Amino acid sequence: MKRAHFWPQGLPSGASTRIASTYYSSGTFTINVNLTDGNTHKNSRYLVDWATTTRTETITILNANTNAVLDTEPYSAFRSGVHAAWNVRGHVLIQVTKTGGANAVVSGIFFD
């Protein structure tokens, strides 16, 4: 998994600079989430395809102890950005797999 920074409108300048970053892989990468308080939490990933309109990927939620698939969702056409959200509890693995385009991407990870 690699991390890159993008300045979509050129290099930032002035007091109101903004930066966008992303984690990406040419195959699959895994986000390990271990919630130990026994409660369910909303967990989301922000997906944005800054470079193209052809990137597609699948996000799979797995039980970290058994590798059982808890849910899987395909994503495409996310040039304007989308939130991929699940309510999770305990120890889960979130696999992000490239299914089309240059690579799989996640631009942000959020917890409730």
PDB file of N, CA and C in Angstrom:
ATOM      1  N   MET A   1       0.852  -1.161   0.000  1.00  0.00           N
ATOM      2  CA  MET A   1       0.000   0.000   0.000  1.00  0.00           C
ATOM      3  C   MET A   1       0.899   1.224   0.000  1.00  0.00           C
ATOM      4  N   LYS A   2       0.567   2.183  -0.812  1.00  0.00           N
ATOM      5  CA  LYS A   2       1.340   3.410  -0.925  1.00  0.00           C
ATOM      6  C   LYS A   2       0.464   4.599  -0.571  1.00  0.00           C
ATOM      7  N   ARG A   3       1.091   5.688  -0.247  1.00  0.00           N
ATOM      8  CA  ARG A   3       0.367   6.911   0.074  1.00  0.00           C
ATOM      9  C   ARG A   3       0.873   8.016  -0.836  1.00  0.00           C
ATOM     10  N   ALA A   4      -0.034   8.774  -1.394  1.00  0.00           N
ATOM     11  CA  ALA A   4       0.340   9.874  -2.281  1.00  0.00           C
ATOM     12  C   ALA A   4      -0.434  11.120  -1.905  1.00  0.00           C
ATOM     13  N   HIS A   5       0.130  12.264  -2.216  1.00  0.00           N
ATOM     14  CA  HIS A   5      -0.542  13.548  -2.009  1.00  0.00           C
ATOM     15  C   HIS A   5      -0.839  14.156  -3.363  1.00  0.00           C
ATOM     16  N   PHE A   6      -2.014  14.744  -3.497  1.00  0.00           N
ATOM     17  CA  PHE A   6      -2.410  15.369  -4.743  1.00  0.00           C
ATOM     18  C   PHE A   6      -2.831  16.811  -4.493  1.00  0.00           C
ATOM     19  N   TRP A   7      -2.482  17.678  -5.379  1.00  0.00           N
ATOM     20  CA  TRP A   7      -2.961  19.046  -5.390  1.00  0.00           C
ATOM     21  C   TRP A   7      -3.768  19.195  -6.668  1.00  0.00           C
ATOM     22  N   PRO A   8      -5.089  18.939  -6.624  1.00  0.00           N
ATOM     23  CA  PRO A   8      -5.887  18.884  -7.843  1.00  0.00           C
ATOM     24  C   PRO A   8      -5.900  20.175  -8.654  1.00  0.00           C
ATOM     25  N   GLN A   9      -5.664  21.298  -8.024  1.00  0.00           N
ATOM     26  CA  GLN A   9      -5.713  22.572  -8.762  1.00  0.00           C
ATOM     27  C   GLN A   9      -4.349  23.240  -8.751  1.00  0.00           C
ATOM     28  N   GLY A  10      -3.287  22.471  -8.849  1.00  0.00           N
ATOM     29  CA  GLY A  10      -1.940  23.020  -8.832  1.00  0.00           C
ATOM     30  C   GLY A  10      -1.391  23.067  -7.417  1.00  0.00           C
ATOM     31  N   LEU A  11      -0.191  23.544  -7.274  1.00  0.00           N
ATOM     32  CA  LEU A  11       0.434  23.622  -5.962  1.00  0.00           C
ATOM     33  C   LEU A  11      -0.301  24.613  -5.071  1.00  0.00           C
ATOM     34  N   PRO A  12      -0.454  24.288  -3.773  1.00  0.00           N
ATOM     35  CA  PRO A  12      -1.178  25.184  -2.873  1.00  0.00           C
ATOM     36  C   PRO A  12      -0.397  26.472  -2.619  1.00  0.00           C
ATOM     37  N   SER A  13      -1.132  27.539  -2.364  1.00  0.00           N
ATOM     38  CA  SER A  13      -0.493  28.796  -2.004  1.00  0.00           C
ATOM     39  C   SER A  13      -1.437  29.593  -1.115  1.00  0.00           C
ATOM     40  N   GLY A  14      -0.903  30.501  -0.350  1.00  0.00           N
ATOM     41  CA  GLY A  14      -1.722  31.361   0.484  1.00  0.00           C
ATOM     42  C   GLY A  14      -2.157  30.689   1.778  1.00  0.00           C
ATOM     43  N   ALA A  15      -2.980  31.408   2.533  1.00  0.00           N
ATOM     44  CA  ALA A  15      -3.395  30.947   3.860  1.00  0.00           C
ATOM     45  C   ALA A  15      -4.445  29.851   3.808  1.00  0.00           C
ATOM     46  N   SER A  16      -5.151  29.698   2.712  1.00  0.00           N
ATOM     47  CA  SER A  16      -6.232  28.713   2.655  1.00  0.00           C
ATOM     48  C   SER A  16      -5.840  27.510   1.798  1.00  0.00           C
ATOM     49  N   THR A  17      -4.658  26.964   2.020  1.00  0.00           N
ATOM     50  CA  THR A  17      -4.194  25.823   1.242  1.00  0.00           C
ATOM     51  C   THR A  17      -4.972  24.570   1.615  1.00  0.00           C
ATOM     52  N   ARG A  18      -5.118  23.699   0.645  1.00  0.00           N
ATOM     53  CA  ARG A  18      -5.781  22.417   0.862  1.00  0.00           C
ATOM     54  C   ARG A  18      -4.920  21.329   0.245  1.00  0.00           C
ATOM     55  N   ILE A  19      -5.000  20.139   0.812  1.00  0.00           N
ATOM     56  CA  ILE A  19      -4.258  19.004   0.301  1.00  0.00           C
ATOM     57  C   ILE A  19      -5.161  17.778   0.325  1.00  0.00           C
ATOM     58  N   ALA A  20      -5.024  16.951  -0.663  1.00  0.00           N
ATOM     59  CA  ALA A  20      -5.756  15.688  -0.698  1.00  0.00           C
ATOM     60  C   ALA A  20      -4.735  14.569  -0.733  1.00  0.00           C
ATOM     61  N   SER A  21      -5.018  13.492  -0.042  1.00  0.00           N
ATOM     62  CA  SER A  21      -4.101  12.358  -0.061  1.00  0.00           C
ATOM     63  C   SER A  21      -4.889  11.084  -0.297  1.00  0.00           C
ATOM     64  N   THR A  22      -4.168  10.027  -0.623  1.00  0.00           N
ATOM     65  CA  THR A  22      -4.831   8.755  -0.871  1.00  0.00           C
ATOM     66  C   THR A  22      -3.903   7.600  -0.555  1.00  0.00           C
ATOM     67  N   TYR A  23      -4.468   6.499  -0.138  1.00  0.00           N
ATOM     68  CA  TYR A  23      -3.760   5.230  -0.054  1.00  0.00           C
ATOM     69  C   TYR A  23      -4.154   4.445  -1.288  1.00  0.00           C
ATOM     70  N   TYR A  24      -3.181   3.780  -1.905  1.00  0.00           N
ATOM     71  CA  TYR A  24      -3.507   3.061  -3.131  1.00  0.00           C
ATOM     72  C   TYR A  24      -2.647   1.811  -3.276  1.00  0.00           C
ATOM     73  N   SER A  25      -3.142   0.884  -4.087  1.00  0.00           N
ATOM     74  CA  SER A  25      -2.427  -0.347  -4.381  1.00  0.00           C
ATOM     75  C   SER A  25      -2.821  -0.819  -5.761  1.00  0.00           C
ATOM     76  N   SER A  26      -1.895  -1.444  -6.457  1.00  0.00           N
ATOM     77  CA  SER A  26      -2.198  -1.983  -7.781  1.00  0.00           C
ATOM     78  C   SER A  26      -2.967  -3.297  -7.689  1.00  0.00           C
ATOM     79  N   GLY A  27      -3.197  -3.799  -6.492  1.00  0.00           N
ATOM     80  CA  GLY A  27      -3.945  -5.039  -6.295  1.00  0.00           C
ATOM     81  C   GLY A  27      -4.949  -4.891  -5.170  1.00  0.00           C
ATOM     82  N   THR A  28      -4.601  -5.425  -3.998  1.00  0.00           N
ATOM     83  CA  THR A  28      -5.463  -5.391  -2.815  1.00  0.00           C
ATOM     84  C   THR A  28      -4.680  -4.868  -1.631  1.00  0.00           C
ATOM     85  N   PHE A  29      -5.326  -4.062  -0.787  1.00  0.00           N
ATOM     86  CA  PHE A  29      -4.740  -3.732   0.499  1.00  0.00           C
ATOM     87  C   PHE A  29      -5.798  -3.908   1.576  1.00  0.00           C
ATOM     88  N   THR A  30      -5.341  -4.089   2.814  1.00  0.00           N
ATOM     89  CA  THR A  30      -6.226  -4.403   3.929  1.00  0.00           C
ATOM     90  C   THR A  30      -6.077  -3.369   5.030  1.00  0.00           C
ATOM     91  N   ILE A  31      -7.216  -2.924   5.541  1.00  0.00           N
ATOM     92  CA  ILE A  31      -7.262  -2.016   6.681  1.00  0.00           C
ATOM     93  C   ILE A  31      -7.725  -2.844   7.876  1.00  0.00           C
ATOM     94  N   ASN A  32      -6.913  -2.904   8.910  1.00  0.00           N
ATOM     95  CA  ASN A  32      -7.181  -3.713  10.097  1.00  0.00           C
ATOM     96  C   ASN A  32      -7.846  -2.825  11.147  1.00  0.00           C
ATOM     97  N   VAL A  33      -9.091  -3.129  11.507  1.00  0.00           N
ATOM     98  CA  VAL A  33      -9.843  -2.349  12.492  1.00  0.00           C
ATOM     99  C   VAL A  33     -10.167  -3.257  13.671  1.00  0.00           C
ATOM    100  N   ASN A  34      -9.702  -2.890  14.857  1.00  0.00           N
ATOM    101  CA  ASN A  34      -9.952  -3.695  16.053  1.00  0.00           C
ATOM    102  C   ASN A  34     -10.607  -2.802  17.106  1.00  0.00           C
ATOM    103  N   LEU A  35     -11.931  -2.918  17.223  1.00  0.00           N
ATOM    104  CA  LEU A  35     -12.705  -2.146  18.192  1.00  0.00           C
ATOM    105  C   LEU A  35     -12.881  -2.995  19.446  1.00  0.00           C
ATOM    106  N   THR A  36     -12.376  -2.533  20.560  1.00  0.00           N
ATOM    107  CA  THR A  36     -12.333  -3.362  21.762  1.00  0.00           C
ATOM    108  C   THR A  36     -13.349  -2.984  22.829  1.00  0.00           C
ATOM    109  N   ASP A  37     -14.234  -2.015  22.551  1.00  0.00           N
ATOM    110  CA  ASP A  37     -15.172  -1.575  23.589  1.00  0.00           C
ATOM    111  C   ASP A  37     -16.490  -2.350  23.582  1.00  0.00           C
ATOM    112  N   GLY A  38     -16.663  -3.303  22.652  1.00  0.00           N
ATOM    113  CA  GLY A  38     -17.890  -4.096  22.604  1.00  0.00           C
ATOM    114  C   GLY A  38     -19.061  -3.400  21.938  1.00  0.00           C
ATOM    115  N   ASN A  39     -18.883  -2.174  21.483  1.00  0.00           N
ATOM    116  CA  ASN A  39     -19.961  -1.411  20.851  1.00  0.00           C
ATOM    117  C   ASN A  39     -19.836  -1.440  19.331  1.00  0.00           C
ATOM    118  N   THR A  40     -20.944  -1.152  18.669  1.00  0.00           N
ATOM    119  CA  THR A  40     -20.959  -1.012  17.219  1.00  0.00           C
ATOM    120  C   THR A  40     -20.643   0.432  16.866  1.00  0.00           C
ATOM    121  N   HIS A  41     -19.789   0.614  15.864  1.00  0.00           N
ATOM    122  CA  HIS A  41     -19.383   1.952  15.434  1.00  0.00           C
ATOM    123  C   HIS A  41     -19.530   2.068  13.926  1.00  0.00           C
ATOM    124  N   LYS A  42     -19.983   3.246  13.483  1.00  0.00           N
ATOM    125  CA  LYS A  42     -19.999   3.510  12.052  1.00  0.00           C
ATOM    126  C   LYS A  42     -18.562   3.752  11.618  1.00  0.00           C
ATOM    127  N   ASN A  43     -18.137   3.049  10.579  1.00  0.00           N
ATOM    128  CA  ASN A  43     -16.798   3.175  10.021  1.00  0.00           C
ATOM    129  C   ASN A  43     -16.954   3.405   8.534  1.00  0.00           C
ATOM    130  N   SER A  44     -16.354   4.466   8.015  1.00  0.00           N
ATOM    131  CA  SER A  44     -16.492   4.725   6.582  1.00  0.00           C
ATOM    132  C   SER A  44     -15.143   5.047   5.960  1.00  0.00           C
ATOM    133  N   ARG A  45     -15.062   4.774   4.681  1.00  0.00           N
ATOM    134  CA  ARG A  45     -13.927   5.122   3.863  1.00  0.00           C
ATOM    135  C   ARG A  45     -14.400   6.099   2.809  1.00  0.00           C
ATOM    136  N   TYR A  46     -13.608   7.127   2.559  1.00  0.00           N
ATOM    137  CA  TYR A  46     -13.936   8.080   1.511  1.00  0.00           C
ATOM    138  C   TYR A  46     -13.163   7.676   0.269  1.00  0.00           C
ATOM    139  N   LEU A  47     -13.889   7.466  -0.826  1.00  0.00           N
ATOM    140  CA  LEU A  47     -13.293   7.057  -2.090  1.00  0.00           C
ATOM    141  C   LEU A  47     -13.438   8.202  -3.075  1.00  0.00           C
ATOM    142  N   VAL A  48     -12.349   8.582  -3.715  1.00  0.00           N
ATOM    143  CA  VAL A  48     -12.423   9.593  -4.765  1.00  0.00           C
ATOM    144  C   VAL A  48     -11.412   9.223  -5.846  1.00  0.00           C
ATOM    145  N   ASP A  49     -11.856   9.311  -7.080  1.00  0.00           N
ATOM    146  CA  ASP A  49     -11.039   8.981  -8.240  1.00  0.00           C
ATOM    147  C   ASP A  49     -10.631  10.286  -8.913  1.00  0.00           C
ATOM    148  N   TRP A  50      -9.556  10.920  -8.422  1.00  0.00           N
ATOM    149  CA  TRP A  50      -9.116  12.207  -8.948  1.00  0.00           C
ATOM    150  C   TRP A  50      -8.651  12.107 -10.397  1.00  0.00           C
ATOM    151  N   ALA A  51      -8.096  10.974 -10.770  1.00  0.00           N
ATOM    152  CA  ALA A  51      -7.373  10.884 -12.035  1.00  0.00           C
ATOM    153  C   ALA A  51      -8.215  10.447 -13.235  1.00  0.00           C
ATOM    154  N   THR A  52      -9.211   9.595 -13.026  1.00  0.00           N
ATOM    155  CA  THR A  52      -9.922   9.009 -14.164  1.00  0.00           C
ATOM    156  C   THR A  52     -11.395   8.826 -13.833  1.00  0.00           C
ATOM    157  N   THR A  53     -12.096   8.270 -14.758  1.00  0.00           N
ATOM    158  CA  THR A  53     -13.481   7.848 -14.510  1.00  0.00           C
ATOM    159  C   THR A  53     -13.616   6.351 -14.714  1.00  0.00           C
ATOM    160  N   THR A  54     -12.500   5.647 -14.811  1.00  0.00           N
ATOM    161  CA  THR A  54     -12.530   4.212 -15.109  1.00  0.00           C
ATOM    162  C   THR A  54     -12.163   3.324 -13.930  1.00  0.00           C
ATOM    163  N   ARG A  55     -11.762   3.912 -12.812  1.00  0.00           N
ATOM    164  CA  ARG A  55     -11.354   3.105 -11.658  1.00  0.00           C
ATOM    165  C   ARG A  55     -12.574   2.410 -11.045  1.00  0.00           C
ATOM    166  N   THR A  56     -12.436   1.125 -10.758  1.00  0.00           N
ATOM    167  CA  THR A  56     -13.455   0.371 -10.032  1.00  0.00           C
ATOM    168  C   THR A  56     -12.757  -0.468  -8.967  1.00  0.00           C
ATOM    169  N   GLU A  57     -13.467  -0.696  -7.874  1.00  0.00           N
ATOM    170  CA  GLU A  57     -12.903  -1.491  -6.790  1.00  0.00           C
ATOM    171  C   GLU A  57     -14.011  -2.138  -5.988  1.00  0.00           C
ATOM    172  N   THR A  58     -13.638  -3.145  -5.227  1.00  0.00           N
ATOM    173  CA  THR A  58     -14.579  -3.834  -4.350  1.00  0.00           C
ATOM    174  C   THR A  58     -14.055  -3.745  -2.929  1.00  0.00           C
ATOM    175  N   ILE A  59     -14.944  -3.432  -1.997  1.00  0.00           N
ATOM    176  CA  ILE A  59     -14.587  -3.425  -0.585  1.00  0.00           C
ATOM    177  C   ILE A  59     -15.278  -4.613   0.072  1.00  0.00           C
ATOM    178  N   THR A  60     -14.479  -5.400   0.780  1.00  0.00           N
ATOM    179  CA  THR A  60     -14.973  -6.596   1.461  1.00  0.00           C
ATOM    180  C   THR A  60     -14.673  -6.471   2.949  1.00  0.00           C
ATOM    181  N   ILE A  61     -15.681  -6.703   3.772  1.00  0.00           N
ATOM    182  CA  ILE A  61     -15.521  -6.697   5.225  1.00  0.00           C
ATOM    183  C   ILE A  61     -15.414  -8.146   5.684  1.00  0.00           C
ATOM    184  N   LEU A  62     -14.341  -8.465   6.407  1.00  0.00           N
ATOM    185  CA  LEU A  62     -14.083  -9.830   6.869  1.00  0.00           C
ATOM    186  C   LEU A  62     -13.995  -9.876   8.386  1.00  0.00           C
ATOM    187  N   ASN A  63     -14.452 -10.972   8.977  1.00  0.00           N
ATOM    188  CA  ASN A  63     -14.199 -11.253  10.379  1.00  0.00           C
ATOM    189  C   ASN A  63     -12.712 -11.567  10.496  1.00  0.00           C
ATOM    190  N   ALA A  64     -11.982 -10.822  11.315  1.00  0.00           N
ATOM    191  CA  ALA A  64     -10.528 -10.987  11.401  1.00  0.00           C
ATOM    192  C   ALA A  64     -10.116 -12.323  11.993  1.00  0.00           C
ATOM    193  N   ASN A  65     -10.979 -12.927  12.801  1.00  0.00           N
ATOM    194  CA  ASN A  65     -10.625 -14.197  13.439  1.00  0.00           C
ATOM    195  C   ASN A  65     -10.882 -15.402  12.548  1.00  0.00           C
ATOM    196  N   THR A  66     -11.924 -15.322  11.718  1.00  0.00           N
ATOM    197  CA  THR A  66     -12.307 -16.488  10.906  1.00  0.00           C
ATOM    198  C   THR A  66     -12.148 -16.264   9.409  1.00  0.00           C
ATOM    199  N   ASN A  67     -11.909 -15.030   8.991  1.00  0.00           N
ATOM    200  CA  ASN A  67     -11.871 -14.635   7.575  1.00  0.00           C
ATOM    201  C   ASN A  67     -13.212 -14.812   6.876  1.00  0.00           C
ATOM    202  N   ALA A  68     -14.288 -14.981   7.633  1.00  0.00           N
ATOM    203  CA  ALA A  68     -15.625 -15.066   7.042  1.00  0.00           C
ATOM    204  C   ALA A  68     -15.994 -13.715   6.441  1.00  0.00           C
ATOM    205  N   VAL A  69     -16.562 -13.736   5.241  1.00  0.00           N
ATOM    206  CA  VAL A  69     -16.986 -12.507   4.579  1.00  0.00           C
ATOM    207  C   VAL A  69     -18.281 -12.028   5.231  1.00  0.00           C
ATOM    208  N   LEU A  70     -18.262 -10.803   5.765  1.00  0.00           N
ATOM    209  CA  LEU A  70     -19.434 -10.223   6.398  1.00  0.00           C
ATOM    210  C   LEU A  70     -20.247  -9.403   5.409  1.00  0.00           C
ATOM    211  N   ASP A  71     -19.564  -8.768   4.449  1.00  0.00           N
ATOM    212  CA  ASP A  71     -20.242  -7.997   3.411  1.00  0.00           C
ATOM    213  C   ASP A  71     -19.235  -7.660   2.329  1.00  0.00           C
ATOM    214  N   THR A  72     -19.737  -7.404   1.128  1.00  0.00           N
ATOM    215  CA  THR A  72     -18.890  -6.967   0.023  1.00  0.00           C
ATOM    216  C   THR A  72     -19.701  -6.049  -0.885  1.00  0.00           C
ATOM    217  N   GLU A  73     -19.059  -4.977  -1.346  1.00  0.00           N
ATOM    218  CA  GLU A  73     -19.736  -3.997  -2.201  1.00  0.00           C
ATOM    219  C   GLU A  73     -18.792  -3.517  -3.298  1.00  0.00           C
ATOM    220  N   PRO A  74     -19.275  -3.467  -4.540  1.00  0.00           N
ATOM    221  CA  PRO A  74     -18.466  -2.894  -5.619  1.00  0.00           C
ATOM    222  C   PRO A  74     -18.663  -1.374  -5.694  1.00  0.00           C
ATOM    223  N   TYR A  75     -17.633  -0.660  -6.144  1.00  0.00           N
ATOM    224  CA  TYR A  75     -17.708   0.791  -6.304  1.00  0.00           C
ATOM    225  C   TYR A  75     -17.122   1.182  -7.657  1.00  0.00           C
ATOM    226  N   SER A  76     -17.814   2.094  -8.335  1.00  0.00           N
ATOM    227  CA  SER A  76     -17.345   2.632  -9.603  1.00  0.00           C
ATOM    228  C   SER A  76     -17.892   4.053  -9.744  1.00  0.00           C
ATOM    229  N   ALA A  77     -17.372   4.786 -10.704  1.00  0.00           N
ATOM    230  CA  ALA A  77     -17.853   6.147 -11.000  1.00  0.00           C
ATOM    231  C   ALA A  77     -17.853   7.016  -9.738  1.00  0.00           C
ATOM    232  N   PHE A  78     -16.707   7.071  -9.042  1.00  0.00           N
ATOM    233  CA  PHE A  78     -16.648   7.874  -7.827  1.00  0.00           C
ATOM    234  C   PHE A  78     -15.696   9.060  -7.973  1.00  0.00           C
ATOM    235  N   ARG A  79     -15.706   9.657  -9.167  1.00  0.00           N
ATOM    236  CA  ARG A  79     -14.871  10.829  -9.433  1.00  0.00           C
ATOM    237  C   ARG A  79     -15.232  12.003  -8.518  1.00  0.00           C
ATOM    238  N   SER A  80     -16.492  12.143  -8.178  1.00  0.00           N
ATOM    239  CA  SER A  80     -16.913  13.222  -7.273  1.00  0.00           C
ATOM    240  C   SER A  80     -16.802  12.826  -5.808  1.00  0.00           C
ATOM    241  N   GLY A  81     -16.412  11.587  -5.528  1.00  0.00           N
ATOM    242  CA  GLY A  81     -16.237  11.108  -4.167  1.00  0.00           C
ATOM    243  C   GLY A  81     -17.484  10.456  -3.600  1.00  0.00           C
ATOM    244  N   VAL A  82     -17.299   9.364  -2.873  1.00  0.00           N
ATOM    245  CA  VAL A  82     -18.378   8.669  -2.176  1.00  0.00           C
ATOM    246  C   VAL A  82     -17.853   8.166  -0.833  1.00  0.00           C
ATOM    247  N   HIS A  83     -18.767   8.006   0.109  1.00  0.00           N
ATOM    248  CA  HIS A  83     -18.450   7.385   1.389  1.00  0.00           C
ATOM    249  C   HIS A  83     -18.940   5.946   1.350  1.00  0.00           C
ATOM    250  N   ALA A  84     -18.063   5.021   1.666  1.00  0.00           N
ATOM    251  CA  ALA A  84     -18.404   3.604   1.774  1.00  0.00           C
ATOM    252  C   ALA A  84     -18.455   3.299   3.267  1.00  0.00           C
ATOM    253  N   ALA A  85     -19.657   3.120   3.819  1.00  0.00           N
ATOM    254  CA  ALA A  85     -19.816   3.037   5.274  1.00  0.00           C
ATOM    255  C   ALA A  85     -20.459   1.731   5.716  1.00  0.00           C
ATOM    256  N   TRP A  86     -19.998   1.230   6.855  1.00  0.00           N
ATOM    257  CA  TRP A  86     -20.573   0.065   7.502  1.00  0.00           C
ATOM    258  C   TRP A  86     -20.593   0.309   9.001  1.00  0.00           C
ATOM    259  N   ASN A  87     -21.524  -0.332   9.677  1.00  0.00           N
ATOM    260  CA  ASN A  87     -21.511  -0.401  11.126  1.00  0.00           C
ATOM    261  C   ASN A  87     -20.754  -1.664  11.486  1.00  0.00           C
ATOM    262  N   VAL A  88     -19.654  -1.514  12.232  1.00  0.00           N
ATOM    263  CA  VAL A  88     -18.801  -2.656  12.564  1.00  0.00           C
ATOM    264  C   VAL A  88     -18.600  -2.753  14.065  1.00  0.00           C
ATOM    265  N   ARG A  89     -18.229  -3.954  14.466  1.00  0.00           N
ATOM    266  CA  ARG A  89     -18.000  -4.238  15.881  1.00  0.00           C
ATOM    267  C   ARG A  89     -16.908  -5.280  15.989  1.00  0.00           C
ATOM    268  N   GLY A  90     -16.046  -5.155  16.978  1.00  0.00           N
ATOM    269  CA  GLY A  90     -14.993  -6.145  17.181  1.00  0.00           C
ATOM    270  C   GLY A  90     -13.833  -5.951  16.215  1.00  0.00           C
ATOM    271  N   HIS A  91     -13.247  -7.076  15.824  1.00  0.00           N
ATOM    272  CA  HIS A  91     -12.045  -7.075  14.994  1.00  0.00           C
ATOM    273  C   HIS A  91     -12.424  -7.451  13.565  1.00  0.00           C
ATOM    274  N   VAL A  92     -12.292  -6.507  12.638  1.00  0.00           N
ATOM    275  CA  VAL A  92     -12.623  -6.753  11.236  1.00  0.00           C
ATOM    276  C   VAL A  92     -11.457  -6.326  10.344  1.00  0.00           C
ATOM    277  N   LEU A  93     -11.404  -6.943   9.180  1.00  0.00           N
ATOM    278  CA  LEU A  93     -10.462  -6.571   8.133  1.00  0.00           C
ATOM    279  C   LEU A  93     -11.253  -5.984   6.986  1.00  0.00           C
ATOM    280  N   ILE A  94     -10.804  -4.866   6.473  1.00  0.00           N
ATOM    281  CA  ILE A  94     -11.475  -4.211   5.355  1.00  0.00           C
ATOM    282  C   ILE A  94     -10.542  -4.313   4.161  1.00  0.00           C
ATOM    283  N   GLN A  95     -10.893  -5.159   3.205  1.00  0.00           N
ATOM    284  CA  GLN A  95     -10.066  -5.355   2.017  1.00  0.00           C
ATOM    285  C   GLN A  95     -10.569  -4.470   0.890  1.00  0.00           C
ATOM    286  N   VAL A  96      -9.652  -3.776   0.269  1.00  0.00           N
ATOM    287  CA  VAL A  96      -9.954  -2.920  -0.874  1.00  0.00           C
ATOM    288  C   VAL A  96      -9.221  -3.528  -2.068  1.00  0.00           C
ATOM    289  N   THR A  97      -9.987  -3.956  -3.069  1.00  0.00           N
ATOM    290  CA  THR A  97      -9.423  -4.689  -4.197  1.00  0.00           C
ATOM    291  C   THR A  97      -9.695  -3.962  -5.507  1.00  0.00           C
ATOM    292  N   LYS A  98      -8.644  -3.732  -6.273  1.00  0.00           N
ATOM    293  CA  LYS A  98      -8.791  -3.140  -7.608  1.00  0.00           C
ATOM    294  C   LYS A  98      -9.519  -4.133  -8.511  1.00  0.00           C
ATOM    295  N   THR A  99     -10.567  -3.651  -9.180  1.00  0.00           N
ATOM    296  CA  THR A  99     -11.257  -4.483 -10.171  1.00  0.00           C
ATOM    297  C   THR A  99     -11.196  -3.865 -11.560  1.00  0.00           C
ATOM    298  N   GLY A 100     -10.729  -2.616 -11.649  1.00  0.00           N
ATOM    299  CA  GLY A 100     -10.565  -1.962 -12.938  1.00  0.00           C
ATOM    300  C   GLY A 100      -9.820  -0.651 -12.780  1.00  0.00           C
ATOM    301  N   GLY A 101      -9.159  -0.215 -13.820  1.00  0.00           N
ATOM    302  CA  GLY A 101      -8.390   1.016 -13.759  1.00  0.00           C
ATOM    303  C   GLY A 101      -6.998   0.776 -13.215  1.00  0.00           C
ATOM    304  N   ALA A 102      -6.336   1.853 -12.831  1.00  0.00           N
ATOM    305  CA  ALA A 102      -4.930   1.788 -12.439  1.00  0.00           C
ATOM    306  C   ALA A 102      -4.691   1.112 -11.090  1.00  0.00           C
ATOM    307  N   ASN A 103      -5.543   1.381 -10.106  1.00  0.00           N
ATOM    308  CA  ASN A 103      -5.311   0.865  -8.763  1.00  0.00           C
ATOM    309  C   ASN A 103      -6.546   1.052  -7.890  1.00  0.00           C
ATOM    310  N   ALA A 104      -6.494   0.479  -6.697  1.00  0.00           N
ATOM    311  CA  ALA A 104      -7.539   0.658  -5.688  1.00  0.00           C
ATOM    312  C   ALA A 104      -7.129   1.829  -4.794  1.00  0.00           C
ATOM    313  N   VAL A 105      -8.106   2.641  -4.368  1.00  0.00           N
ATOM    314  CA  VAL A 105      -7.802   3.836  -3.583  1.00  0.00           C
ATOM    315  C   VAL A 105      -8.746   3.999  -2.399  1.00  0.00           C
ATOM    316  N   VAL A 106      -8.239   4.586  -1.338  1.00  0.00           N
ATOM    317  CA  VAL A 106      -9.026   5.084  -0.207  1.00  0.00           C
ATOM    318  C   VAL A 106      -8.398   6.409   0.186  1.00  0.00           C
ATOM    319  N   SER A 107      -9.207   7.458   0.227  1.00  0.00           N
ATOM    320  CA  SER A 107      -8.685   8.798   0.515  1.00  0.00           C
ATOM    321  C   SER A 107      -8.915   9.231   1.954  1.00  0.00           C
ATOM    322  N   GLY A 108      -9.695   8.497   2.707  1.00  0.00           N
ATOM    323  CA  GLY A 108      -9.908   8.844   4.105  1.00  0.00           C
ATOM    324  C   GLY A 108     -10.600   7.709   4.823  1.00  0.00           C
ATOM    325  N   ILE A 109     -10.336   7.590   6.123  1.00  0.00           N
ATOM    326  CA  ILE A 109     -10.978   6.581   6.968  1.00  0.00           C
ATOM    327  C   ILE A 109     -11.559   7.321   8.166  1.00  0.00           C
ATOM    328  N   PHE A 110     -12.853   7.091   8.433  1.00  0.00           N
ATOM    329  CA  PHE A 110     -13.566   7.836   9.473  1.00  0.00           C
ATOM    330  C   PHE A 110     -14.290   6.894  10.423  1.00  0.00           C
ATOM    331  N   PHE A 111     -14.317   7.258  11.705  1.00  0.00           N
ATOM    332  CA  PHE A 111     -15.052   6.525  12.729  1.00  0.00           C
ATOM    333  C   PHE A 111     -16.051   7.478  13.364  1.00  0.00           C
ATOM    334  N   ASP A 112     -17.191   6.920  13.840  1.00  0.00           N
ATOM    335  CA  ASP A 112     -18.208   7.786  14.460  1.00  0.00           C
ATOM    336  C   ASP A 112     -17.740   8.409  15.744  1.00  0.00           C
TER     337      ASP A 112
END
